[in-house]
C-alpha atoms as a PDB file:
ATOM      1  CA  UNK A   1     -18.973 -14.369  -8.852  1.00  0.00           C
ATOM      2  CA  UNK A   2     -18.970 -15.648  -5.827  1.00  0.00           C
ATOM      3  CA  UNK A   3     -15.164 -14.796  -3.903  1.00  0.00           C
ATOM      4  CA  UNK A   4     -14.149 -18.711  -3.840  1.00  0.00           C
ATOM      5  CA  UNK A   5     -14.790 -18.547  -7.856  1.00  0.00           C
ATOM      6  CA  UNK A   6     -11.940 -15.982  -8.246  1.00  0.00           C
ATOM      7  CA  UNK A   7      -9.453 -17.874  -6.136  1.00  0.00           C
ATOM      8  CA  UNK A   8      -7.340 -20.730  -6.992  1.00  0.00           C
ATOM      9  CA  UNK A   9      -4.781 -22.929  -5.681  1.00  0.00           C
ATOM     10  CA  UNK A  10      -1.027 -23.163  -5.933  1.00  0.00           C
ATOM     11  CA  UNK A  11       0.444 -26.276  -4.202  1.00  0.00           C
ATOM     12  CA  UNK A  12       3.743 -24.934  -2.598  1.00  0.00           C
ATOM     13  CA  UNK A  13       7.076 -27.636  -2.206  1.00  0.00           C
ATOM     14  CA  UNK A  14       5.969 -28.641   1.008  1.00  0.00           C
ATOM     15  CA  UNK A  15       2.348 -29.390  -0.188  1.00  0.00           C
ATOM     16  CA  UNK A  16       0.427 -26.890   1.548  1.00  0.00           C
ATOM     17  CA  UNK A  17      -2.263 -25.397  -0.113  1.00  0.00           C
ATOM     18  CA  UNK A  18      -2.468 -21.752  -1.009  1.00  0.00           C
ATOM     19  CA  UNK A  19      -4.823 -19.495  -2.034  1.00  0.00           C
ATOM     20  CA  UNK A  20      -3.799 -16.532  -4.624  1.00  0.00           C
ATOM     21  CA  UNK A  21      -6.029 -14.422  -7.039  1.00  0.00           C
ATOM     22  CA  UNK A  22      -6.246 -15.522 -10.682  1.00  0.00           C
ATOM     23  CA  UNK A  23      -4.304 -13.194 -13.231  1.00  0.00           C
ATOM     24  CA  UNK A  24      -6.378 -10.247 -14.276  1.00  0.00           C
ATOM     25  CA  UNK A  25      -5.540  -8.583 -17.188  1.00  0.00           C
ATOM     26  CA  UNK A  26      -7.908  -5.499 -16.689  1.00  0.00           C
ATOM     27  CA  UNK A  27      -6.218  -4.914 -13.282  1.00  0.00           C
ATOM     28  CA  UNK A  28      -2.853  -4.998 -15.414  1.00  0.00           C
ATOM     29  CA  UNK A  29      -4.155  -2.345 -17.424  1.00  0.00           C
ATOM     30  CA  UNK A  30      -5.712  -0.301 -14.599  1.00  0.00           C
ATOM     31  CA  UNK A  31      -2.380  -0.294 -13.293  1.00  0.00           C
ATOM     32  CA  UNK A  32      -0.760   0.651 -16.389  1.00  0.00           C
ATOM     33  CA  UNK A  33      -3.103   3.942 -16.529  1.00  0.00           C
ATOM     34  CA  UNK A  34      -2.073   4.719 -12.850  1.00  0.00           C
ATOM     35  CA  UNK A  35       1.899   4.605 -13.843  1.00  0.00           C
ATOM     36  CA  UNK A  36       1.570   7.198 -16.949  1.00  0.00           C
ATOM     37  CA  UNK A  37      -0.743   9.390 -15.004  1.00  0.00           C
ATOM     38  CA  UNK A  38       1.450   9.635 -11.825  1.00  0.00           C
ATOM     39  CA  UNK A  39       4.600   9.794 -14.313  1.00  0.00           C
ATOM     40  CA  UNK A  40       3.033  12.337 -16.589  1.00  0.00           C
ATOM     41  CA  UNK A  41       2.005  14.115 -13.547  1.00  0.00           C
ATOM     42  CA  UNK A  42       5.638  14.836 -12.881  1.00  0.00           C
ATOM     43  CA  UNK A  43       6.638  15.568 -16.191  1.00  0.00           C
ATOM     44  CA  UNK A  44       4.415  17.453 -17.681  1.00  0.00           C
ATOM     45  CA  UNK A  45       2.730  19.215 -14.195  1.00  0.00           C
ATOM     46  CA  UNK A  46       0.947  21.842 -16.148  1.00  0.00           C
ATOM     47  CA  UNK A  47      -0.683  19.839 -18.666  1.00  0.00           C
ATOM     48  CA  UNK A  48      -1.990  16.972 -16.616  1.00  0.00           C
ATOM     49  CA  UNK A  49      -2.942  18.470 -13.393  1.00  0.00           C
ATOM     50  CA  UNK A  50      -4.924  15.550 -11.628  1.00  0.00           C
ATOM     51  CA  UNK A  51      -2.343  12.666 -12.532  1.00  0.00           C
ATOM     52  CA  UNK A  52      -1.525  12.051  -8.960  1.00  0.00           C
ATOM     53  CA  UNK A  53      -4.579  10.271  -8.442  1.00  0.00           C
ATOM     54  CA  UNK A  54      -2.791   7.480 -10.322  1.00  0.00           C
ATOM     55  CA  UNK A  55      -1.486   6.579  -6.142  1.00  0.00           C
ATOM     56  CA  UNK A  56      -5.045   6.648  -4.971  1.00  0.00           C
ATOM     57  CA  UNK A  57      -5.884   4.031  -7.954  1.00  0.00           C
ATOM     58  CA  UNK A  58      -3.119   2.214  -6.532  1.00  0.00           C
ATOM     59  CA  UNK A  59      -4.371   2.016  -2.879  1.00  0.00           C
ATOM     60  CA  UNK A  60      -7.941   0.685  -4.447  1.00  0.00           C
ATOM     61  CA  UNK A  61      -6.048  -1.976  -6.210  1.00  0.00           C
ATOM     62  CA  UNK A  62      -4.087  -3.211  -3.274  1.00  0.00           C
ATOM     63  CA  UNK A  63      -6.865  -3.231  -1.193  1.00  0.00           C
ATOM     64  CA  UNK A  64      -9.103  -5.687  -3.773  1.00  0.00           C
ATOM     65  CA  UNK A  65      -6.022  -7.851  -4.016  1.00  0.00           C
ATOM     66  CA  UNK A  66      -5.387  -8.368  -0.603  1.00  0.00           C
ATOM     67  CA  UNK A  67      -8.834  -8.935   0.760  1.00  0.00           C
ATOM     68  CA  UNK A  68      -9.524 -11.230  -1.992  1.00  0.00           C
ATOM     69  CA  UNK A  69      -6.622 -13.086  -1.315  1.00  0.00           C
ATOM     70  CA  UNK A  70      -7.172 -13.049   3.029  1.00  0.00           C
ATOM     71  CA  UNK A  71     -10.936 -13.904   2.441  1.00  0.00           C
ATOM     72  CA  UNK A  72     -10.839 -16.376  -0.290  1.00  0.00           C
ATOM     73  CA  UNK A  73      -8.302 -18.290   2.124  1.00  0.00           C
ATOM     74  CA  UNK A  74     -10.614 -18.078   5.446  1.00  0.00           C
ATOM     75  CA  UNK A  75     -13.547 -18.993   3.773  1.00  0.00           C
ATOM     76  CA  UNK A  76     -11.769 -22.191   2.955  1.00  0.00           C
ATOM     77  CA  UNK A  77      -9.853 -22.103   6.039  1.00  0.00           C
ATOM     78  CA  UNK A  78      -6.379 -22.120   4.561  1.00  0.00           C
ATOM     79  CA  UNK A  79      -5.227 -18.801   5.505  1.00  0.00           C
ATOM     80  CA  UNK A  80      -2.016 -18.753   7.210  1.00  0.00           C
ATOM     81  CA  UNK A  81       0.086 -15.873   8.651  1.00  0.00           C
ATOM     82  CA  UNK A  82       3.486 -16.889   7.633  1.00  0.00           C
ATOM     83  CA  UNK A  83       2.696 -17.759   4.317  1.00  0.00           C
ATOM     84  CA  UNK A  84       0.498 -14.679   3.829  1.00  0.00           C
ATOM     85  CA  UNK A  85       3.980 -12.508   4.698  1.00  0.00           C
ATOM     86  CA  UNK A  86       6.069 -14.661   2.895  1.00  0.00           C
ATOM     87  CA  UNK A  87       4.755 -13.819  -0.458  1.00  0.00           C
ATOM     88  CA  UNK A  88       4.910 -10.155   0.803  1.00  0.00           C
ATOM     89  CA  UNK A  89       8.453 -10.474   1.231  1.00  0.00           C
ATOM     90  CA  UNK A  90       9.490 -12.415  -1.765  1.00  0.00           C
ATOM     91  CA  UNK A  91       7.224  -9.885  -4.215  1.00  0.00           C
ATOM     92  CA  UNK A  92       8.504  -6.754  -2.567  1.00  0.00           C
ATOM     93  CA  UNK A  93      11.957  -7.367  -0.810  1.00  0.00           C
ATOM     94  CA  UNK A  94      14.224  -7.501  -4.128  1.00  0.00           C
ATOM     95  CA  UNK A  95      13.294  -4.658  -5.960  1.00  0.00           C
ATOM     96  CA  UNK A  96      13.461  -2.773  -2.961  1.00  0.00           C
ATOM     97  CA  UNK A  97      16.591  -3.548  -1.603  1.00  0.00           C
ATOM     98  CA  UNK A  98      18.121  -2.997  -4.978  1.00  0.00           C
ATOM     99  CA  UNK A  99      16.400   0.754  -4.818  1.00  0.00           C
ATOM    100  CA  UNK A 100      17.817   1.206  -1.330  1.00  0.00           C
ATOM    101  CA  UNK A 101      21.410  -0.151  -1.643  1.00  0.00           C
ATOM    102  CA  UNK A 102      21.568   1.644  -5.731  1.00  0.00           C
ATOM    103  CA  UNK A 103      20.607   5.194  -3.989  1.00  0.00           C
ATOM    104  CA  UNK A 104      23.440   4.333  -0.554  1.00  0.00           C
ATOM    105  CA  UNK A 105      26.357   3.580  -2.637  1.00  0.00           C
ATOM    106  CA  UNK A 106      25.337   6.783  -5.639  1.00  0.00           C
ATOM    107  CA  UNK A 107      24.733   9.133  -2.612  1.00  0.00           C
ATOM    108  CA  UNK A 108      28.343   8.382  -1.370  1.00  0.00           C
ATOM    109  CA  UNK A 109      29.939   9.745  -3.812  1.00  0.00           C
ATOM    110  CA  UNK A 110      27.252  12.500  -5.095  1.00  0.00           C
ATOM    111  CA  UNK A 111      26.361  13.979  -1.799  1.00  0.00           C
ATOM    112  CA  UNK A 112      27.750  16.233   0.686  1.00  0.00           C
ATOM    113  CA  UNK A 113      27.530  15.032   4.474  1.00  0.00           C
ATOM    114  CA  UNK A 114      24.495  16.197   5.661  1.00  0.00           C
ATOM    115  CA  UNK A 115      22.694  15.416   2.533  1.00  0.00           C
ATOM    116  CA  UNK A 116      23.951  12.025   2.980  1.00  0.00           C
ATOM    117  CA  UNK A 117      22.916  11.745   6.239  1.00  0.00           C
ATOM    118  CA  UNK A 118      19.557  13.034   5.285  1.00  0.00           C
ATOM    119  CA  UNK A 119      19.222   9.912   2.858  1.00  0.00           C
ATOM    120  CA  UNK A 120      20.619   7.458   5.458  1.00  0.00           C
ATOM    121  CA  UNK A 121      17.332   8.319   7.362  1.00  0.00           C
ATOM    122  CA  UNK A 122      15.275   7.959   4.238  1.00  0.00           C
ATOM    123  CA  UNK A 123      16.687   4.596   3.848  1.00  0.00           C
ATOM    124  CA  UNK A 124      16.393   3.380   7.138  1.00  0.00           C
ATOM    125  CA  UNK A 125      12.528   4.781   7.053  1.00  0.00           C
ATOM    126  CA  UNK A 126      11.880   2.627   3.278  1.00  0.00           C
ATOM    127  CA  UNK A 127      13.981  -0.303   5.028  1.00  0.00           C
ATOM    128  CA  UNK A 128      11.578  -0.353   7.434  1.00  0.00           C
ATOM    129  CA  UNK A 129       8.133   1.016   6.161  1.00  0.00           C
ATOM    130  CA  UNK A 130       8.083   3.895   7.690  1.00  0.00           C
ATOM    131  CA  UNK A 131       8.918   6.471   5.271  1.00  0.00           C
ATOM    132  CA  UNK A 132       5.332   8.157   4.882  1.00  0.00           C
ATOM    133  CA  UNK A 133       6.176   8.821   8.850  1.00  0.00           C
ATOM    134  CA  UNK A 134       9.723   9.903   8.278  1.00  0.00           C
ATOM    135  CA  UNK A 135       8.793  12.536   4.669  1.00  0.00           C
ATOM    136  CA  UNK A 136       5.157  13.654   7.098  1.00  0.00           C
ATOM    137  CA  UNK A 137       7.879  14.668  10.009  1.00  0.00           C
ATOM    138  CA  UNK A 138       9.992  16.284   7.660  1.00  0.00           C
ATOM    139  CA  UNK A 139       7.725  18.300   5.800  1.00  0.00           C
ATOM    140  CA  UNK A 140       7.529  22.301   6.343  1.00  0.00           C
ATOM    141  CA  UNK A 141       8.753  25.708   5.473  1.00  0.00           C
ATOM    142  CA  UNK A 142      12.726  24.654   5.667  1.00  0.00           C
ATOM    143  CA  UNK A 143      12.177  21.217   3.865  1.00  0.00           C
ATOM    144  CA  UNK A 144      14.846  20.289   1.105  1.00  0.00           C
ATOM    145  CA  UNK A 145      12.911  20.582  -2.494  1.00  0.00           C
ATOM    146  CA  UNK A 146      11.622  16.499  -3.706  1.00  0.00           C
ATOM    147  CA  UNK A 147      14.086  16.549  -6.265  1.00  0.00           C
ATOM    148  CA  UNK A 148      16.760  15.920  -3.561  1.00  0.00           C
ATOM    149  CA  UNK A 149      14.504  12.960  -2.095  1.00  0.00           C
ATOM    150  CA  UNK A 150      15.043  10.092  -4.498  1.00  0.00           C
ATOM    151  CA  UNK A 151      13.309   7.982  -1.949  1.00  0.00           C
ATOM    152  CA  UNK A 152      10.397  10.063  -1.405  1.00  0.00           C
ATOM    153  CA  UNK A 153       7.657   8.054  -3.605  1.00  0.00           C
ATOM    154  CA  UNK A 154       8.209   5.005  -0.859  1.00  0.00           C
ATOM    155  CA  UNK A 155       5.764   6.874   1.290  1.00  0.00           C
ATOM    156  CA  UNK A 156       3.047   5.189  -0.715  1.00  0.00           C
ATOM    157  CA  UNK A 157       4.394   1.556  -0.051  1.00  0.00           C
ATOM    158  CA  UNK A 158       4.612   2.662   3.762  1.00  0.00           C
ATOM    159  CA  UNK A 159       1.400   2.768   3.526  1.00  0.00           C
ATOM    160  CA  UNK A 160       0.647  -0.393   1.839  1.00  0.00           C
ATOM    161  CA  UNK A 161       2.786  -2.541   4.027  1.00  0.00           C
ATOM    162  CA  UNK A 162       1.200  -1.195   7.197  1.00  0.00           C
ATOM    163  CA  UNK A 163      -1.806  -1.829   5.646  1.00  0.00           C
ATOM    164  CA  UNK A 164      -0.512  -5.356   4.981  1.00  0.00           C
ATOM    165  CA  UNK A 165       0.572  -5.694   8.580  1.00  0.00           C
ATOM    166  CA  UNK A 166      -2.815  -4.795  10.434  1.00  0.00           C
ATOM    167  CA  UNK A 167      -5.626  -5.818   7.641  1.00  0.00           C
ATOM    168  CA  UNK A 168      -4.785  -9.726   7.632  1.00  0.00           C
ATOM    169  CA  UNK A 169      -5.205  -9.582  11.622  1.00  0.00           C
ATOM    170  CA  UNK A 170      -8.216  -7.720  11.415  1.00  0.00           C
ATOM    171  CA  UNK A 171      -9.952  -9.617   9.212  1.00  0.00           C
ATOM    172  CA  UNK A 172      -8.909 -12.966  11.013  1.00  0.00           C
ATOM    173  CA  UNK A 173     -10.194 -11.958  14.154  1.00  0.00           C
ATOM    174  CA  UNK A 174     -13.568 -10.953  12.562  1.00  0.00           C
ATOM    175  CA  UNK A 175     -13.856 -14.357  11.029  1.00  0.00           C
ATOM    176  CA  UNK A 176     -12.893 -16.018  14.454  1.00  0.00           C
ATOM    177  CA  UNK A 177     -14.869 -14.214  16.281  1.00  0.00           C
ATOM    178  CA  UNK A 178     -18.131 -13.398  14.115  1.00  0.00           C
ATOM    179  CA  UNK A 179     -18.735 -16.019  11.700  1.00  0.00           C
ATOM    180  CA  UNK A 180     -21.082 -14.306   9.629  1.00  0.00           C
ATOM    181  CA  UNK A 181     -19.702 -13.529   6.293  1.00  0.00           C
ATOM    182  CA  UNK A 182     -21.892 -10.233   6.199  1.00  0.00           C
ATOM    183  CA  UNK A 183     -19.462  -8.956   9.037  1.00  0.00           C
ATOM    184  CA  UNK A 184     -16.623  -8.341   6.916  1.00  0.00           C
ATOM    185  CA  UNK A 185     -18.381  -5.961   4.721  1.00  0.00           C
ATOM    186  CA  UNK A 186     -20.084  -4.303   7.805  1.00  0.00           C
ATOM    187  CA  UNK A 187     -16.756  -3.544   9.594  1.00  0.00           C
ATOM    188  CA  UNK A 188     -15.059  -2.864   5.775  1.00  0.00           C
ATOM    189  CA  UNK A 189     -17.935   0.070   5.522  1.00  0.00           C
ATOM    190  CA  UNK A 190     -17.816   1.318   8.874  1.00  0.00           C
ATOM    191  CA  UNK A 191     -14.131   1.807   8.433  1.00  0.00           C
ATOM    192  CA  UNK A 192     -13.919   3.296   5.400  1.00  0.00           C
ATOM    193  CA  UNK A 193     -16.518   5.889   6.217  1.00  0.00           C
ATOM    194  CA  UNK A 194     -14.823   6.905   9.551  1.00  0.00           C
ATOM    195  CA  UNK A 195     -11.149   7.190   7.230  1.00  0.00           C
ATOM    196  CA  UNK A 196     -13.029   9.297   4.776  1.00  0.00           C
ATOM    197  CA  UNK A 197     -14.803  11.459   7.130  1.00  0.00           C
ATOM    198  CA  UNK A 198     -11.453  11.945   9.089  1.00  0.00           C
ATOM    199  CA  UNK A 199      -9.774  13.294   6.041  1.00  0.00           C
ATOM    200  CA  UNK A 200     -12.449  15.513   4.887  1.00  0.00           C
ATOM    201  CA  UNK A 201     -12.456  17.481   8.251  1.00  0.00           C
ATOM    202  CA  UNK A 202      -8.582  17.579   8.748  1.00  0.00           C
ATOM    203  CA  UNK A 203      -7.725  18.392   5.030  1.00  0.00           C
ATOM    204  CA  UNK A 204      -8.428  22.071   5.281  1.00  0.00           C
ATOM    205  CA  UNK A 205      -6.457  22.153   8.488  1.00  0.00           C
ATOM    206  CA  UNK A 206      -3.394  19.712   8.116  1.00  0.00           C
ATOM    207  CA  UNK A 207      -2.785  18.711   4.136  1.00  0.00           C
ATOM    208  CA  UNK A 208       0.208  17.773   5.220  1.00  0.00           C
ATOM    209  CA  UNK A 209      -0.931  15.197   7.453  1.00  0.00           C
ATOM    210  CA  UNK A 210      -3.717  13.934   5.384  1.00  0.00           C
ATOM    211  CA  UNK A 211      -1.690  13.267   2.492  1.00  0.00           C
ATOM    212  CA  UNK A 212       1.067  10.949   4.533  1.00  0.00           C
ATOM    213  CA  UNK A 213      -1.295   9.887   7.557  1.00  0.00           C
ATOM    214  CA  UNK A 214      -2.241   6.146   7.224  1.00  0.00           C
ATOM    215  CA  UNK A 215      -5.587   6.697   8.817  1.00  0.00           C
ATOM    216  CA  UNK A 216      -6.617   9.334   6.174  1.00  0.00           C
ATOM    217  CA  UNK A 217      -5.849   7.018   2.968  1.00  0.00           C
ATOM    218  CA  UNK A 218      -7.478   3.966   4.926  1.00  0.00           C
ATOM    219  CA  UNK A 219     -10.822   4.726   3.064  1.00  0.00           C
ATOM    220  CA  UNK A 220      -8.881   4.049  -0.510  1.00  0.00           C
ATOM    221  CA  UNK A 221      -7.758   0.740   0.463  1.00  0.00           C
ATOM    222  CA  UNK A 222     -10.993   0.270   2.338  1.00  0.00           C
ATOM    223  CA  UNK A 223     -12.717   1.078  -0.953  1.00  0.00           C
ATOM    224  CA  UNK A 224     -11.046  -2.336  -2.765  1.00  0.00           C
ATOM    225  CA  UNK A 225     -11.721  -4.393   0.468  1.00  0.00           C
ATOM    226  CA  UNK A 226     -15.584  -3.212  -0.422  1.00  0.00           C
ATOM    227  CA  UNK A 227     -15.014  -4.701  -3.941  1.00  0.00           C
ATOM    228  CA  UNK A 228     -13.484  -7.841  -2.667  1.00  0.00           C
ATOM    229  CA  UNK A 229     -16.341  -8.373  -0.612  1.00  0.00           C
ATOM    230  CA  UNK A 230     -19.205  -7.651  -3.203  1.00  0.00           C
END
């Protein structure tokens, strides 16, 4: 099945031709398994030791879906940055704003001044999709318990959003300067290999950086992109 065959069209109010992935029940099922594994790991850490791999699965899924949308749109000449980012905003911002607002209000009534100050920093990091850098900088001997960081889970959203910002421009430039389709796969394989090697080389010396840094996580998103190309 070619890339174009897994894409469908929708026409918005202005009549613009947009590309999007067809609904995949198998991907939704995989998402459910990933969510349950992460929840199980946090609730029953002694029983489900490797449940955190669900986050890695989510990164692969994101890389696959986003790359399918971008490559399919480029292939038919209908890709537009404005429409791509509008979709991401409509999809993510309502839930994100709700969570940040709830934590902001609840923290006002339940936290001490220094704790509320830290929460404010985490809210700002979440709103700016920089949570992974914020938590990376805080990690250390004097760091507070993770149970006192209600927005800690936003570190993964930060990495995904940073990917959404960089990846469309990267693929667009490759498409513009290198018209051959195999150029995409060659680039993605190279980036995935570089990220994976970097992660393996530094995992024992700086595990915190390898956990939060987008460079060390990029290979997981690239795996999804490779699947999209294939």
